C-alpha atoms as a PDB file:
ATOM      1  CA  MET A   1     -47.056 -39.226 137.146  1.00  0.00           C
ATOM      2  CA  ILE A   2     -49.861 -41.157 139.306  1.00  0.00           C
ATOM      3  CA  ILE A   3     -49.236 -45.004 139.650  1.00  0.00           C
ATOM      4  CA  THR A   4     -51.770 -47.325 140.992  1.00  0.00           C
ATOM      5  CA  THR A   5     -52.145 -51.027 141.343  1.00  0.00           C
ATOM      6  CA  ILE A   6     -55.814 -50.850 141.227  1.00  0.00           C
ATOM      7  CA  ASN A   7     -57.856 -49.977 137.929  1.00  0.00           C
ATOM      8  CA  ASN A   8     -58.579 -46.323 138.737  1.00  0.00           C
ATOM      9  CA  VAL A   9     -57.450 -43.310 140.364  1.00  0.00           C
ATOM     10  CA  PRO A  10     -59.800 -42.754 143.466  1.00  0.00           C
ATOM     11  CA  GLY A  11     -61.633 -39.464 143.128  1.00  0.00           C
ATOM     12  CA  LYS A  12     -60.606 -38.968 139.639  1.00  0.00           C
ATOM     13  CA  GLU A  13     -62.275 -39.478 136.297  1.00  0.00           C
ATOM     14  CA  ILE A  14     -60.517 -41.243 133.500  1.00  0.00           C
ATOM     15  CA  LYS A  15     -60.808 -38.943 130.351  1.00  0.00           C
ATOM     16  CA  GLU A  16     -58.930 -41.060 128.036  1.00  0.00           C
ATOM     17  CA  VAL A  17     -57.242 -44.535 127.968  1.00  0.00           C
ATOM     18  CA  TYR A  18     -54.306 -44.840 125.956  1.00  0.00           C
ATOM     19  CA  GLY A  19     -53.570 -48.453 126.418  1.00  0.00           C
ATOM     20  CA  PHE A  20     -50.770 -50.855 127.505  1.00  0.00           C
ATOM     21  CA  VAL A  21     -47.592 -49.543 128.667  1.00  0.00           C
ATOM     22  CA  SER A  22     -44.509 -51.640 129.735  1.00  0.00           C
ATOM     23  CA  ALA A  23     -40.845 -51.279 130.162  1.00  0.00           C
ATOM     24  CA  SER A  24     -38.128 -53.646 131.454  1.00  0.00           C
ATOM     25  CA  THR A  25     -34.590 -54.181 132.660  1.00  0.00           C
ATOM     26  CA  VAL A  26     -32.112 -56.950 132.793  1.00  0.00           C
ATOM     27  CA  ARG A  27     -29.625 -56.678 135.746  1.00  0.00           C
ATOM     28  CA  THR A  28     -26.741 -58.763 137.185  1.00  0.00           C
ATOM     29  CA  LYS A  29     -24.366 -58.044 139.995  1.00  0.00           C
ATOM     30  CA  ASN A  30     -20.393 -58.655 139.442  1.00  0.00           C
ATOM     31  CA  ILE A  31     -18.386 -61.540 140.117  1.00  0.00           C
ATOM     32  CA  GLY A  32     -17.187 -60.416 143.369  1.00  0.00           C
ATOM     33  CA  LYS A  33     -20.840 -59.800 144.837  1.00  0.00           C
ATOM     34  CA  ASP A  34     -21.946 -63.125 143.350  1.00  0.00           C
ATOM     35  CA  ILE A  35     -19.042 -64.888 145.256  1.00  0.00           C
ATOM     36  CA  GLY A  36     -20.166 -63.179 148.434  1.00  0.00           C
ATOM     37  CA  ALA A  37     -23.688 -64.157 147.850  1.00  0.00           C
ATOM     38  CA  SER A  38     -22.660 -67.822 147.319  1.00  0.00           C
ATOM     39  CA  PHE A  39     -21.283 -67.736 150.660  1.00  0.00           C
ATOM     40  CA  LYS A  40     -24.396 -66.414 152.107  1.00  0.00           C
ATOM     41  CA  THR A  41     -26.412 -69.356 151.020  1.00  0.00           C
ATOM     42  CA  LEU A  42     -24.197 -71.617 153.234  1.00  0.00           C
ATOM     43  CA  VAL A  43     -25.285 -69.878 156.426  1.00  0.00           C
ATOM     44  CA  GLY A  44     -28.737 -68.291 155.412  1.00  0.00           C
ATOM     45  CA  GLY A  45     -30.066 -64.923 155.637  1.00  0.00           C
ATOM     46  CA  GLU A  46     -30.745 -61.883 153.445  1.00  0.00           C
ATOM     47  CA  ILE A  47     -28.481 -61.480 150.452  1.00  0.00           C
ATOM     48  CA  LYS A  48     -28.396 -57.540 150.525  1.00  0.00           C
ATOM     49  CA  ALA A  49     -26.424 -57.213 147.255  1.00  0.00           C
ATOM     50  CA  TYR A  50     -29.215 -58.900 145.258  1.00  0.00           C
ATOM     51  CA  GLN A  51     -31.914 -57.251 147.263  1.00  0.00           C
ATOM     52  CA  GLU A  52     -30.440 -53.963 146.193  1.00  0.00           C
ATOM     53  CA  MET A  53     -29.931 -55.167 142.718  1.00  0.00           C
ATOM     54  CA  MET A  54     -33.669 -55.903 142.439  1.00  0.00           C
ATOM     55  CA  GLU A  55     -34.793 -52.673 144.207  1.00  0.00           C
ATOM     56  CA  GLU A  56     -32.742 -50.753 141.436  1.00  0.00           C
ATOM     57  CA  ALA A  57     -33.928 -52.846 138.724  1.00  0.00           C
ATOM     58  CA  ARG A  58     -37.721 -52.151 139.800  1.00  0.00           C
ATOM     59  CA  LYS A  59     -36.937 -48.282 139.998  1.00  0.00           C
ATOM     60  CA  ILE A  60     -35.397 -48.440 136.424  1.00  0.00           C
ATOM     61  CA  ALA A  61     -38.438 -50.486 134.955  1.00  0.00           C
ATOM     62  CA  ILE A  62     -40.913 -48.155 136.392  1.00  0.00           C
ATOM     63  CA  GLY A  63     -39.050 -45.069 135.289  1.00  0.00           C
ATOM     64  CA  ARG A  64     -38.882 -46.430 131.810  1.00  0.00           C
ATOM     65  CA  MET A  65     -42.734 -47.293 131.938  1.00  0.00           C
ATOM     66  CA  VAL A  66     -43.335 -43.744 133.099  1.00  0.00           C
ATOM     67  CA  GLU A  67     -41.460 -42.216 130.317  1.00  0.00           C
ATOM     68  CA  LYS A  68     -43.306 -44.228 127.717  1.00  0.00           C
ATOM     69  CA  ALA A  69     -46.586 -43.369 129.411  1.00  0.00           C
ATOM     70  CA  GLU A  70     -45.787 -39.728 129.213  1.00  0.00           C
ATOM     71  CA  ALA A  71     -44.811 -40.017 125.603  1.00  0.00           C
ATOM     72  CA  MET A  72     -48.335 -41.460 125.024  1.00  0.00           C
ATOM     73  CA  GLY A  73     -50.049 -38.244 126.513  1.00  0.00           C
ATOM     74  CA  ALA A  74     -50.840 -40.007 129.817  1.00  0.00           C
ATOM     75  CA  ASN A  75     -50.632 -38.587 133.174  1.00  0.00           C
ATOM     76  CA  ALA A  76     -51.410 -41.788 135.165  1.00  0.00           C
ATOM     77  CA  VAL A  77     -50.648 -45.492 134.912  1.00  0.00           C
ATOM     78  CA  ILE A  78     -53.356 -47.778 136.502  1.00  0.00           C
ATOM     79  CA  GLY A  79     -53.428 -51.341 137.169  1.00  0.00           C
ATOM     80  CA  MET A  80     -49.401 -51.495 137.351  1.00  0.00           C
ATOM     81  CA  GLN A  81     -47.821 -54.535 138.186  1.00  0.00           C
ATOM     82  CA  ILE A  82     -44.243 -55.933 138.257  1.00  0.00           C
ATOM     83  CA  SER A  83     -43.035 -59.235 137.207  1.00  0.00           C
ATOM     84  CA  THR A  84     -39.476 -60.755 137.220  1.00  0.00           C
ATOM     85  CA  SER A  85     -37.918 -63.709 135.778  1.00  0.00           C
ATOM     86  CA  ALA A  86     -34.521 -65.144 135.877  1.00  0.00           C
ATOM     87  CA  ILE A  87     -32.772 -64.879 132.351  1.00  0.00           C
ATOM     88  CA  MET A  88     -29.464 -66.876 133.335  1.00  0.00           C
ATOM     89  CA  ALA A  89     -27.647 -67.634 136.505  1.00  0.00           C
ATOM     90  CA  GLY A  90     -27.216 -64.179 138.355  1.00  0.00           C
ATOM     91  CA  ALA A  91     -29.351 -62.171 136.051  1.00  0.00           C
ATOM     92  CA  SER A  92     -32.954 -61.321 136.183  1.00  0.00           C
ATOM     93  CA  GLU A  93     -35.393 -59.262 134.254  1.00  0.00           C
ATOM     94  CA  VAL A  94     -37.966 -56.907 135.935  1.00  0.00           C
ATOM     95  CA  ILE A  95     -40.914 -55.841 133.819  1.00  0.00           C
ATOM     96  CA  ALA A  96     -43.356 -52.988 135.037  1.00  0.00           C
ATOM     97  CA  TYR A  97     -46.507 -52.772 133.196  1.00  0.00           C
ATOM     98  CA  GLY A  98     -49.976 -51.056 133.267  1.00  0.00           C
ATOM     99  CA  THR A  99     -52.531 -49.106 131.436  1.00  0.00           C
ATOM    100  CA  ALA A 100     -51.644 -45.458 130.458  1.00  0.00           C
ATOM    101  CA  VAL A 101     -54.593 -43.058 130.947  1.00  0.00           C
ATOM    102  CA  LEU A 102     -55.272 -39.395 131.119  1.00  0.00           C
ATOM    103  CA  ILE A 103     -57.182 -38.490 134.284  1.00  0.00           C
ATOM    104  CA  GLU A 104     -58.784 -35.147 135.149  1.00  0.00           C
ATOM    105  CA  GLU A 105     -56.487 -32.625 136.969  1.00  0.00           C
END
């Protein structure tokens, strides 16, 4: 599956547009990591537990989006974007979305 953040695949012709495709995941860390992150806010710096959580969430959301695009018959997603939002304290939703297309092989 080819994924681009632009609205085409350079050097390839789009044969068919299947339309909007999206997928999401909501992730949270356990209480032990939340306590560790709380201490980190006192001294500053990167909160690795949350950085890792968000990286994992992006991978999951993109993977689910790819599965949906493949089910539509697509071999590429163009205009892909990722959006995040806080659901509650310590929990975030990550959404991956774009346009599912069939490009020439």
